[in-house]
Amino acid sequence: MDFLQLTYFQHVARLEHMTKAADELRISQPSLSQSIARLEEELGFALFDRSGRNIRLNESGKAFLIRVNKAFAELKEGRREGALKAGVVKQSVSLGMIHLESMPDFLGAYLSQADNTQIKVHYGCNNSMTTQLERGDLDLFLCSPLIRQPGMETIALREEEIFLAVPAEHRLAGQSEAKLADVAGDPFVALEDGSGLRQACDEFCRLAGFSPDVALEIADPSRLQMLVEAGIGVALIPAMQVKQTGTARCSILRVTDPVCARTIGLTWEKGTLLPESVQQLRSFLIDYFGEAEYRTAT
């Protein structure tokens, strides 16, 4: 087997679709199928269960994929260590993140004290970021909600309250608090489906006895308050995203029922020896978010 075969296998395993993987790799589908078949022949066992054109990674394939991902992660780290000793590049840390308004503050503070370090930031939801952790493409992930998944180590960093924002002309404007059910019939501005914050907000509404009438979906939570100020609808906004400037055009209310809060956590692959640069950033983030000791999610 060779590295190219293993790379092809990673793509097919992730997509579980030969044609989509071939398009992504920019090779022909027959060539990709032949490469996977040769790999299976050399290994002596099938990696996928096949039914017509449908393929699914089987248990043997899942076990092999874990080892392939670890092998590529080790090679990546070896290249990084070799380059560092040769003085070619800085220490690089790949950090996955949900959108956090305080990102410039905590990364700026870290880089001011970390010599010869480069941080590569990637944004995404829990599902996509967890996949990248498993593949070795990410070192750490600042997540919400907490990831409870075999093979992942997760600690809780901070509880963050989520507030209700209403336009200035809204009937609740000027109040300090409200029940979420008070806006059951209002149009909502919300994050797109699949994001952790959207899932949390939908659950809060469910607990309040209704499903939100979403008038506008966006990808960037930092825009939620701006759209509320424009009068498009109401929104649930995490405390770190609330902007005090411009609040004359909207009101920020504490939600008394149900309790609205989310937990921000930090995740990495369990059982992996993290490079010193990654360990240093992990320790910094734990201290920054006010956690005195590790608290593993269960």
C-alpha atoms as a PDB file:
ATOM      1  CA  MET A   1       0.000   0.000   0.000  1.00  0.00           C
ATOM      2  CA  ASP A   2       1.115   3.593  -0.475  1.00  0.00           C
ATOM      3  CA  PHE A   3       0.200   7.021   0.890  1.00  0.00           C
ATOM      4  CA  LEU A   4      -1.936   7.850  -2.135  1.00  0.00           C
ATOM      5  CA  GLN A   5      -4.100   4.774  -1.590  1.00  0.00           C
ATOM      6  CA  LEU A   6      -4.540   5.674   2.066  1.00  0.00           C
ATOM      7  CA  THR A   7      -5.471   9.247   1.165  1.00  0.00           C
ATOM      8  CA  TYR A   8      -8.044   7.932  -1.290  1.00  0.00           C
ATOM      9  CA  PHE A   9      -9.394   5.630   1.418  1.00  0.00           C
ATOM     10  CA  GLN A  10      -9.798   8.544   3.851  1.00  0.00           C
ATOM     11  CA  HIS A  11     -11.883  10.468   1.322  1.00  0.00           C
ATOM     12  CA  VAL A  12     -14.113   7.521   0.433  1.00  0.00           C
ATOM     13  CA  ALA A  13     -14.557   6.630   4.112  1.00  0.00           C
ATOM     14  CA  ARG A  14     -15.592  10.191   4.965  1.00  0.00           C
ATOM     15  CA  LEU A  15     -18.066  10.569   2.092  1.00  0.00           C
ATOM     16  CA  GLU A  16     -19.163   6.919   1.746  1.00  0.00           C
ATOM     17  CA  HIS A  17     -19.750   7.706  -1.912  1.00  0.00           C
ATOM     18  CA  MET A  18     -17.298   6.705  -4.630  1.00  0.00           C
ATOM     19  CA  THR A  19     -18.366   9.249  -7.244  1.00  0.00           C
ATOM     20  CA  LYS A  20     -18.362  12.197  -4.810  1.00  0.00           C
ATOM     21  CA  ALA A  21     -14.937  11.149  -3.529  1.00  0.00           C
ATOM     22  CA  ALA A  22     -13.603  10.881  -7.078  1.00  0.00           C
ATOM     23  CA  ASP A  23     -14.917  14.367  -7.888  1.00  0.00           C
ATOM     24  CA  GLU A  24     -13.326  15.758  -4.720  1.00  0.00           C
ATOM     25  CA  LEU A  25     -10.008  14.084  -5.556  1.00  0.00           C
ATOM     26  CA  ARG A  26     -10.286  15.057  -9.237  1.00  0.00           C
ATOM     27  CA  ILE A  27      -9.692  11.540 -10.516  1.00  0.00           C
ATOM     28  CA  SER A  28     -11.948   9.173 -12.447  1.00  0.00           C
ATOM     29  CA  GLN A  29     -14.386   7.023 -10.505  1.00  0.00           C
ATOM     30  CA  PRO A  30     -13.088   3.748 -12.035  1.00  0.00           C
ATOM     31  CA  SER A  31      -9.513   4.628 -11.037  1.00  0.00           C
ATOM     32  CA  LEU A  32     -10.606   5.351  -7.475  1.00  0.00           C
ATOM     33  CA  SER A  33     -12.605   2.115  -7.276  1.00  0.00           C
ATOM     34  CA  GLN A  34      -9.614   0.127  -8.531  1.00  0.00           C
ATOM     35  CA  SER A  35      -7.318   1.782  -5.995  1.00  0.00           C
ATOM     36  CA  ILE A  36      -9.647   0.895  -3.112  1.00  0.00           C
ATOM     37  CA  ALA A  37     -10.035  -2.669  -4.447  1.00  0.00           C
ATOM     38  CA  ARG A  38      -6.232  -3.095  -4.572  1.00  0.00           C
ATOM     39  CA  LEU A  39      -5.941  -1.793  -1.013  1.00  0.00           C
ATOM     40  CA  GLU A  40      -8.563  -4.282   0.202  1.00  0.00           C
ATOM     41  CA  GLU A  41      -6.825  -7.094  -1.650  1.00  0.00           C
ATOM     42  CA  GLU A  42      -3.506  -6.245  -0.026  1.00  0.00           C
ATOM     43  CA  LEU A  43      -5.085  -5.976   3.428  1.00  0.00           C
ATOM     44  CA  GLY A  44      -6.959  -9.245   3.031  1.00  0.00           C
ATOM     45  CA  PHE A  45     -10.347  -7.896   4.135  1.00  0.00           C
ATOM     46  CA  ALA A  46     -13.108  -5.601   2.853  1.00  0.00           C
ATOM     47  CA  LEU A  47     -13.228  -2.034   4.121  1.00  0.00           C
ATOM     48  CA  PHE A  48     -16.742  -1.296   2.875  1.00  0.00           C
ATOM     49  CA  ASP A  49     -20.077  -3.063   2.674  1.00  0.00           C
ATOM     50  CA  ARG A  50     -21.439  -2.700  -0.846  1.00  0.00           C
ATOM     51  CA  SER A  51     -25.046  -2.844  -2.040  1.00  0.00           C
ATOM     52  CA  GLY A  52     -25.328  -1.865  -5.685  1.00  0.00           C
ATOM     53  CA  ARG A  53     -23.830   1.614  -5.926  1.00  0.00           C
ATOM     54  CA  ASN A  54     -24.149   2.244  -2.192  1.00  0.00           C
ATOM     55  CA  ILE A  55     -21.136   1.744   0.068  1.00  0.00           C
ATOM     56  CA  ARG A  56     -20.850   1.884   3.842  1.00  0.00           C
ATOM     57  CA  LEU A  57     -17.707   1.733   5.947  1.00  0.00           C
ATOM     58  CA  ASN A  58     -17.825  -1.611   7.791  1.00  0.00           C
ATOM     59  CA  GLU A  59     -16.408  -2.410  11.235  1.00  0.00           C
ATOM     60  CA  SER A  60     -13.046  -3.470   9.786  1.00  0.00           C
ATOM     61  CA  GLY A  61     -12.941  -0.266   7.773  1.00  0.00           C
ATOM     62  CA  LYS A  62     -13.735   1.836  10.832  1.00  0.00           C
ATOM     63  CA  ALA A  63     -10.929   0.207  12.808  1.00  0.00           C
ATOM     64  CA  PHE A  64      -8.486   0.665   9.932  1.00  0.00           C
ATOM     65  CA  LEU A  65      -9.535   4.303   9.437  1.00  0.00           C
ATOM     66  CA  ILE A  66      -8.672   5.142  13.052  1.00  0.00           C
ATOM     67  CA  ARG A  67      -5.136   3.836  12.528  1.00  0.00           C
ATOM     68  CA  VAL A  68      -4.750   5.561   9.158  1.00  0.00           C
ATOM     69  CA  ASN A  69      -5.829   8.893  10.676  1.00  0.00           C
ATOM     70  CA  LYS A  70      -3.375   8.445  13.537  1.00  0.00           C
ATOM     71  CA  ALA A  71      -0.573   7.562  11.111  1.00  0.00           C
ATOM     72  CA  PHE A  72      -1.152  10.712   9.068  1.00  0.00           C
ATOM     73  CA  ALA A  73      -1.354  12.770  12.258  1.00  0.00           C
ATOM     74  CA  GLU A  74       2.022  11.363  13.343  1.00  0.00           C
ATOM     75  CA  LEU A  75       3.546  12.171   9.967  1.00  0.00           C
ATOM     76  CA  LYS A  76       2.153  15.690  10.154  1.00  0.00           C
ATOM     77  CA  GLU A  77       3.643  16.143  13.616  1.00  0.00           C
ATOM     78  CA  GLY A  78       6.969  14.672  12.475  1.00  0.00           C
ATOM     79  CA  ARG A  79       7.132  17.150   9.630  1.00  0.00           C
ATOM     80  CA  ARG A  80       6.298  19.981  12.018  1.00  0.00           C
ATOM     81  CA  GLU A  81       8.960  18.926  14.534  1.00  0.00           C
ATOM     82  CA  GLY A  82      11.586  18.450  11.830  1.00  0.00           C
ATOM     83  CA  ALA A  83      10.867  21.845  10.302  1.00  0.00           C
ATOM     84  CA  LEU A  84      10.959  23.456  13.727  1.00  0.00           C
ATOM     85  CA  LYS A  85      14.378  21.978  14.541  1.00  0.00           C
ATOM     86  CA  ALA A  86      15.623  23.097  11.151  1.00  0.00           C
ATOM     87  CA  GLY A  87      14.383  26.619  11.875  1.00  0.00           C
ATOM     88  CA  VAL A  88      12.149  26.535   8.806  1.00  0.00           C
ATOM     89  CA  VAL A  89       8.725  27.293  10.307  1.00  0.00           C
ATOM     90  CA  LYS A  90       7.010  28.365  13.476  1.00  0.00           C
ATOM     91  CA  GLN A  91       5.210  25.935  15.769  1.00  0.00           C
ATOM     92  CA  SER A  92       1.735  25.603  14.306  1.00  0.00           C
ATOM     93  CA  VAL A  93      -1.480  24.845  16.197  1.00  0.00           C
ATOM     94  CA  SER A  94      -4.794  24.183  14.422  1.00  0.00           C
ATOM     95  CA  LEU A  95      -7.699  25.457  16.518  1.00  0.00           C
ATOM     96  CA  GLY A  96     -11.302  24.737  15.593  1.00  0.00           C
ATOM     97  CA  MET A  97     -13.916  27.137  16.955  1.00  0.00           C
ATOM     98  CA  ILE A  98     -17.518  28.061  17.129  1.00  0.00           C
ATOM     99  CA  HIS A  99     -17.946  31.808  16.603  1.00  0.00           C
ATOM    100  CA  LEU A 100     -16.849  33.620  19.783  1.00  0.00           C
ATOM    101  CA  GLU A 101     -16.789  37.397  19.962  1.00  0.00           C
ATOM    102  CA  SER A 102     -13.850  37.282  22.389  1.00  0.00           C
ATOM    103  CA  MET A 103     -11.597  35.422  19.938  1.00  0.00           C
ATOM    104  CA  PRO A 104      -9.337  38.426  19.162  1.00  0.00           C
ATOM    105  CA  ASP A 105      -8.857  39.036  22.888  1.00  0.00           C
ATOM    106  CA  PHE A 106      -7.815  35.578  24.000  1.00  0.00           C
ATOM    107  CA  LEU A 107      -5.766  34.687  20.919  1.00  0.00           C
ATOM    108  CA  GLY A 108      -4.102  38.094  20.960  1.00  0.00           C
ATOM    109  CA  ALA A 109      -3.220  37.603  24.637  1.00  0.00           C
ATOM    110  CA  TYR A 110      -1.806  34.156  23.939  1.00  0.00           C
ATOM    111  CA  LEU A 111       0.291  35.172  20.933  1.00  0.00           C
ATOM    112  CA  SER A 112       1.762  38.088  22.884  1.00  0.00           C
ATOM    113  CA  GLN A 113       3.376  35.603  25.257  1.00  0.00           C
ATOM    114  CA  ALA A 114       4.013  32.636  22.933  1.00  0.00           C
ATOM    115  CA  ASP A 115       7.264  32.739  21.006  1.00  0.00           C
ATOM    116  CA  ASN A 116       7.561  31.280  17.517  1.00  0.00           C
ATOM    117  CA  THR A 117       3.928  30.113  17.397  1.00  0.00           C
ATOM    118  CA  GLN A 118       1.376  30.246  14.612  1.00  0.00           C
ATOM    119  CA  ILE A 119      -2.330  29.532  15.202  1.00  0.00           C
ATOM    120  CA  LYS A 120      -4.564  28.437  12.349  1.00  0.00           C
ATOM    121  CA  VAL A 121      -8.233  29.067  13.172  1.00  0.00           C
ATOM    122  CA  HIS A 122     -11.028  27.048  11.563  1.00  0.00           C
ATOM    123  CA  TYR A 123     -14.736  27.743  12.103  1.00  0.00           C
ATOM    124  CA  GLY A 124     -17.422  25.089  12.051  1.00  0.00           C
ATOM    125  CA  CYS A 125     -20.087  23.136  13.895  1.00  0.00           C
ATOM    126  CA  ASN A 126     -19.484  20.228  16.242  1.00  0.00           C
ATOM    127  CA  ASN A 127     -19.964  17.536  13.601  1.00  0.00           C
ATOM    128  CA  SER A 128     -17.510  18.910  11.052  1.00  0.00           C
ATOM    129  CA  MET A 129     -14.916  19.887  13.647  1.00  0.00           C
ATOM    130  CA  THR A 130     -15.059  16.464  15.353  1.00  0.00           C
ATOM    131  CA  THR A 131     -14.414  14.801  12.003  1.00  0.00           C
ATOM    132  CA  GLN A 132     -11.369  17.014  11.502  1.00  0.00           C
ATOM    133  CA  LEU A 133     -10.107  16.137  14.988  1.00  0.00           C
ATOM    134  CA  GLU A 134     -10.395  12.445  14.149  1.00  0.00           C
ATOM    135  CA  ARG A 135      -8.486  12.971  10.902  1.00  0.00           C
ATOM    136  CA  GLY A 136      -5.722  14.872  12.673  1.00  0.00           C
ATOM    137  CA  ASP A 137      -6.490  18.103  10.805  1.00  0.00           C
ATOM    138  CA  LEU A 138      -7.263  19.901  14.094  1.00  0.00           C
ATOM    139  CA  ASP A 139      -5.434  19.902  17.421  1.00  0.00           C
ATOM    140  CA  LEU A 140      -8.118  21.520  19.622  1.00  0.00           C
ATOM    141  CA  PHE A 141     -11.743  22.568  19.277  1.00  0.00           C
ATOM    142  CA  LEU A 142     -13.612  25.227  21.288  1.00  0.00           C
ATOM    143  CA  CYS A 143     -17.097  23.750  21.164  1.00  0.00           C
ATOM    144  CA  SER A 144     -20.683  24.189  22.301  1.00  0.00           C
ATOM    145  CA  PRO A 145     -22.516  22.045  23.244  1.00  0.00           C
ATOM    146  CA  LEU A 146     -20.018  19.724  24.909  1.00  0.00           C
ATOM    147  CA  ILE A 147     -18.895  16.805  22.762  1.00  0.00           C
ATOM    148  CA  ARG A 148     -19.683  13.468  24.369  1.00  0.00           C
ATOM    149  CA  GLN A 149     -18.203  11.008  21.942  1.00  0.00           C
ATOM    150  CA  PRO A 150     -15.902   7.978  22.283  1.00  0.00           C
ATOM    151  CA  GLY A 151     -12.326   8.877  21.461  1.00  0.00           C
ATOM    152  CA  MET A 152     -12.751  12.529  22.397  1.00  0.00           C
ATOM    153  CA  GLU A 153     -11.668  14.260  25.609  1.00  0.00           C
ATOM    154  CA  THR A 154     -13.866  17.249  26.514  1.00  0.00           C
ATOM    155  CA  ILE A 155     -13.733  19.693  29.399  1.00  0.00           C
ATOM    156  CA  ALA A 156     -16.256  22.376  30.337  1.00  0.00           C
ATOM    157  CA  LEU A 157     -14.758  25.868  30.350  1.00  0.00           C
ATOM    158  CA  ARG A 158     -17.578  28.302  31.028  1.00  0.00           C
ATOM    159  CA  GLU A 159     -21.344  28.615  31.341  1.00  0.00           C
ATOM    160  CA  GLU A 160     -22.649  31.466  29.198  1.00  0.00           C
ATOM    161  CA  GLU A 161     -26.080  33.020  29.603  1.00  0.00           C
ATOM    162  CA  ILE A 162     -28.185  33.532  26.492  1.00  0.00           C
ATOM    163  CA  PHE A 163     -30.348  36.681  26.333  1.00  0.00           C
ATOM    164  CA  LEU A 164     -33.437  37.656  24.381  1.00  0.00           C
ATOM    165  CA  ALA A 165     -33.000  40.630  22.057  1.00  0.00           C
ATOM    166  CA  VAL A 166     -36.077  42.494  20.800  1.00  0.00           C
ATOM    167  CA  PRO A 167     -36.353  45.548  18.500  1.00  0.00           C
ATOM    168  CA  ALA A 168     -36.810  48.996  20.048  1.00  0.00           C
ATOM    169  CA  GLU A 169     -40.462  49.187  18.968  1.00  0.00           C
ATOM    170  CA  HIS A 170     -41.289  45.728  20.345  1.00  0.00           C
ATOM    171  CA  ARG A 171     -43.969  45.420  23.052  1.00  0.00           C
ATOM    172  CA  LEU A 172     -41.342  44.007  25.477  1.00  0.00           C
ATOM    173  CA  ALA A 173     -38.767  46.741  24.784  1.00  0.00           C
ATOM    174  CA  GLY A 174     -37.563  48.434  27.945  1.00  0.00           C
ATOM    175  CA  GLN A 175     -38.213  45.461  30.188  1.00  0.00           C
ATOM    176  CA  SER A 176     -35.316  43.804  31.992  1.00  0.00           C
ATOM    177  CA  GLU A 177     -36.620  40.252  31.728  1.00  0.00           C
ATOM    178  CA  ALA A 178     -39.274  38.095  30.103  1.00  0.00           C
ATOM    179  CA  LYS A 179     -40.430  34.537  29.655  1.00  0.00           C
ATOM    180  CA  LEU A 180     -39.484  32.998  26.328  1.00  0.00           C
ATOM    181  CA  ALA A 181     -43.131  32.091  25.763  1.00  0.00           C
ATOM    182  CA  ASP A 182     -43.831  35.855  25.574  1.00  0.00           C
ATOM    183  CA  VAL A 183     -42.359  35.875  22.042  1.00  0.00           C
ATOM    184  CA  ALA A 184     -43.906  32.599  20.868  1.00  0.00           C
ATOM    185  CA  GLY A 185     -45.695  34.281  17.971  1.00  0.00           C
ATOM    186  CA  ASP A 186     -42.875  36.624  16.922  1.00  0.00           C
ATOM    187  CA  PRO A 187     -40.597  36.212  13.896  1.00  0.00           C
ATOM    188  CA  PHE A 188     -37.104  35.052  14.873  1.00  0.00           C
ATOM    189  CA  VAL A 189     -33.660  35.776  13.500  1.00  0.00           C
ATOM    190  CA  ALA A 190     -31.644  32.596  14.015  1.00  0.00           C
ATOM    191  CA  LEU A 191     -28.482  30.802  13.039  1.00  0.00           C
ATOM    192  CA  GLU A 192     -28.663  28.228  10.259  1.00  0.00           C
ATOM    193  CA  ASP A 193     -29.652  24.647  10.998  1.00  0.00           C
ATOM    194  CA  GLY A 194     -26.814  22.428  12.198  1.00  0.00           C
ATOM    195  CA  SER A 195     -25.088  24.953  14.435  1.00  0.00           C
ATOM    196  CA  GLY A 196     -24.840  24.183  18.138  1.00  0.00           C
ATOM    197  CA  LEU A 197     -26.355  27.532  19.109  1.00  0.00           C
ATOM    198  CA  ARG A 198     -29.350  26.989  16.804  1.00  0.00           C
ATOM    199  CA  GLN A 199     -29.938  23.556  18.316  1.00  0.00           C
ATOM    200  CA  ALA A 200     -29.779  25.041  21.818  1.00  0.00           C
ATOM    201  CA  CYS A 201     -32.163  27.893  20.952  1.00  0.00           C
ATOM    202  CA  ASP A 202     -34.655  25.514  19.316  1.00  0.00           C
ATOM    203  CA  GLU A 203     -34.569  23.400  22.479  1.00  0.00           C
ATOM    204  CA  PHE A 204     -35.206  26.447  24.686  1.00  0.00           C
ATOM    205  CA  CYS A 205     -38.233  27.307  22.558  1.00  0.00           C
ATOM    206  CA  ARG A 206     -39.466  23.721  22.772  1.00  0.00           C
ATOM    207  CA  LEU A 207     -39.220  23.885  26.563  1.00  0.00           C
ATOM    208  CA  ALA A 208     -41.224  27.118  26.405  1.00  0.00           C
ATOM    209  CA  GLY A 209     -43.957  25.297  24.481  1.00  0.00           C
ATOM    210  CA  PHE A 210     -43.478  26.495  20.908  1.00  0.00           C
ATOM    211  CA  SER A 211     -41.440  26.134  17.740  1.00  0.00           C
ATOM    212  CA  PRO A 212     -39.791  29.392  16.617  1.00  0.00           C
ATOM    213  CA  ASP A 213     -41.092  31.091  13.486  1.00  0.00           C
ATOM    214  CA  VAL A 214     -37.721  31.743  11.825  1.00  0.00           C
ATOM    215  CA  ALA A 215     -37.926  34.679   9.416  1.00  0.00           C
ATOM    216  CA  LEU A 216     -34.200  34.842   8.639  1.00  0.00           C
ATOM    217  CA  GLU A 217     -31.329  32.376   9.002  1.00  0.00           C
ATOM    218  CA  ILE A 218     -27.683  33.482   9.043  1.00  0.00           C
ATOM    219  CA  ALA A 219     -24.312  31.802   9.568  1.00  0.00           C
ATOM    220  CA  ASP A 220     -22.578  34.500  11.643  1.00  0.00           C
ATOM    221  CA  PRO A 221     -23.878  35.000  15.218  1.00  0.00           C
ATOM    222  CA  SER A 222     -22.183  38.400  15.458  1.00  0.00           C
ATOM    223  CA  ARG A 223     -24.875  39.689  13.054  1.00  0.00           C
ATOM    224  CA  LEU A 224     -27.853  38.611  15.154  1.00  0.00           C
ATOM    225  CA  GLN A 225     -28.149  41.811  17.191  1.00  0.00           C
ATOM    226  CA  MET A 226     -27.705  44.011  14.120  1.00  0.00           C
ATOM    227  CA  LEU A 227     -30.648  42.272  12.433  1.00  0.00           C
ATOM    228  CA  VAL A 228     -32.795  42.627  15.564  1.00  0.00           C
ATOM    229  CA  GLU A 229     -31.939  46.348  15.614  1.00  0.00           C
ATOM    230  CA  ALA A 230     -33.169  46.513  12.010  1.00  0.00           C
ATOM    231  CA  GLY A 231     -36.571  45.280  13.220  1.00  0.00           C
ATOM    232  CA  ILE A 232     -36.518  41.951  11.370  1.00  0.00           C
ATOM    233  CA  GLY A 233     -37.338  39.882  14.435  1.00  0.00           C
ATOM    234  CA  VAL A 234     -36.311  38.785  17.897  1.00  0.00           C
ATOM    235  CA  ALA A 235     -33.266  36.625  18.629  1.00  0.00           C
ATOM    236  CA  LEU A 236     -31.560  34.608  21.337  1.00  0.00           C
ATOM    237  CA  ILE A 237     -27.995  35.923  21.699  1.00  0.00           C
ATOM    238  CA  PRO A 238     -25.134  34.576  23.870  1.00  0.00           C
ATOM    239  CA  ALA A 239     -23.745  37.017  26.427  1.00  0.00           C
ATOM    240  CA  MET A 240     -20.372  37.322  24.680  1.00  0.00           C
ATOM    241  CA  GLN A 241     -22.149  38.324  21.449  1.00  0.00           C
ATOM    242  CA  VAL A 242     -24.228  41.101  23.026  1.00  0.00           C
ATOM    243  CA  LYS A 243     -22.964  44.508  21.932  1.00  0.00           C
ATOM    244  CA  GLN A 244     -23.628  47.429  24.259  1.00  0.00           C
ATOM    245  CA  THR A 245     -23.154  49.995  21.471  1.00  0.00           C
ATOM    246  CA  GLY A 246     -26.322  50.609  19.524  1.00  0.00           C
ATOM    247  CA  THR A 247     -28.587  49.000  22.130  1.00  0.00           C
ATOM    248  CA  ALA A 248     -30.926  52.001  21.951  1.00  0.00           C
ATOM    249  CA  ARG A 249     -32.295  50.296  18.835  1.00  0.00           C
ATOM    250  CA  CYS A 250     -33.074  47.089  20.718  1.00  0.00           C
ATOM    251  CA  SER A 251     -33.581  45.776  24.230  1.00  0.00           C
ATOM    252  CA  ILE A 252     -31.602  42.945  25.809  1.00  0.00           C
ATOM    253  CA  LEU A 253     -33.738  40.920  28.238  1.00  0.00           C
ATOM    254  CA  ARG A 254     -32.851  38.134  30.668  1.00  0.00           C
ATOM    255  CA  VAL A 255     -34.965  35.034  30.049  1.00  0.00           C
ATOM    256  CA  THR A 256     -36.527  33.809  33.286  1.00  0.00           C
ATOM    257  CA  ASP A 257     -38.275  30.717  31.916  1.00  0.00           C
ATOM    258  CA  PRO A 258     -36.744  28.458  30.779  1.00  0.00           C
ATOM    259  CA  VAL A 259     -33.188  29.097  31.957  1.00  0.00           C
ATOM    260  CA  CYS A 260     -31.229  29.882  28.791  1.00  0.00           C
ATOM    261  CA  ALA A 261     -27.502  29.149  28.886  1.00  0.00           C
ATOM    262  CA  ARG A 262     -24.904  27.167  26.992  1.00  0.00           C
ATOM    263  CA  THR A 263     -21.665  25.502  28.015  1.00  0.00           C
ATOM    264  CA  ILE A 264     -18.460  26.291  26.140  1.00  0.00           C
ATOM    265  CA  GLY A 265     -15.967  23.442  26.164  1.00  0.00           C
ATOM    266  CA  LEU A 266     -12.580  22.403  24.831  1.00  0.00           C
ATOM    267  CA  THR A 267     -12.090  19.102  23.001  1.00  0.00           C
ATOM    268  CA  TRP A 268      -9.132  17.100  21.721  1.00  0.00           C
ATOM    269  CA  GLU A 269      -8.543  13.515  20.656  1.00  0.00           C
ATOM    270  CA  LYS A 270      -8.269  11.156  23.607  1.00  0.00           C
ATOM    271  CA  GLY A 271      -5.094   9.127  23.985  1.00  0.00           C
ATOM    272  CA  THR A 272      -3.072  11.363  21.672  1.00  0.00           C
ATOM    273  CA  LEU A 273       0.267  12.762  22.829  1.00  0.00           C
ATOM    274  CA  LEU A 274      -0.222  16.445  22.151  1.00  0.00           C
ATOM    275  CA  PRO A 275       2.773  18.529  21.024  1.00  0.00           C
ATOM    276  CA  GLU A 276       4.096  21.008  23.560  1.00  0.00           C
ATOM    277  CA  SER A 277       2.700  23.963  21.598  1.00  0.00           C
ATOM    278  CA  VAL A 278      -0.795  22.422  21.698  1.00  0.00           C
ATOM    279  CA  GLN A 279      -0.513  21.661  25.416  1.00  0.00           C
ATOM    280  CA  GLN A 280       0.509  25.260  26.083  1.00  0.00           C
ATOM    281  CA  LEU A 281      -2.473  26.678  24.193  1.00  0.00           C
ATOM    282  CA  ARG A 282      -4.803  24.208  25.918  1.00  0.00           C
ATOM    283  CA  SER A 283      -3.551  25.295  29.347  1.00  0.00           C
ATOM    284  CA  PHE A 284      -3.890  28.958  28.405  1.00  0.00           C
ATOM    285  CA  LEU A 285      -7.484  28.534  27.227  1.00  0.00           C
ATOM    286  CA  ILE A 286      -8.435  26.696  30.408  1.00  0.00           C
ATOM    287  CA  ASP A 287      -6.979  29.519  32.499  1.00  0.00           C
ATOM    288  CA  TYR A 288      -8.491  32.235  30.301  1.00  0.00           C
ATOM    289  CA  PHE A 289     -11.999  30.867  30.527  1.00  0.00           C
ATOM    290  CA  GLY A 290     -11.681  30.670  34.287  1.00  0.00           C
ATOM    291  CA  GLU A 291     -11.442  26.946  34.824  1.00  0.00           C
ATOM    292  CA  ALA A 292      -9.153  26.002  37.733  1.00  0.00           C
ATOM    293  CA  GLU A 293      -8.975  22.329  36.857  1.00  0.00           C
ATOM    294  CA  TYR A 294     -10.065  19.883  34.167  1.00  0.00           C
ATOM    295  CA  ARG A 295     -13.670  18.792  34.316  1.00  0.00           C
ATOM    296  CA  THR A 296     -14.281  15.915  31.923  1.00  0.00           C
ATOM    297  CA  ALA A 297     -17.685  15.805  30.284  1.00  0.00           C
ATOM    298  CA  THR A 298     -19.613  12.588  31.013  1.00  0.00           C
END
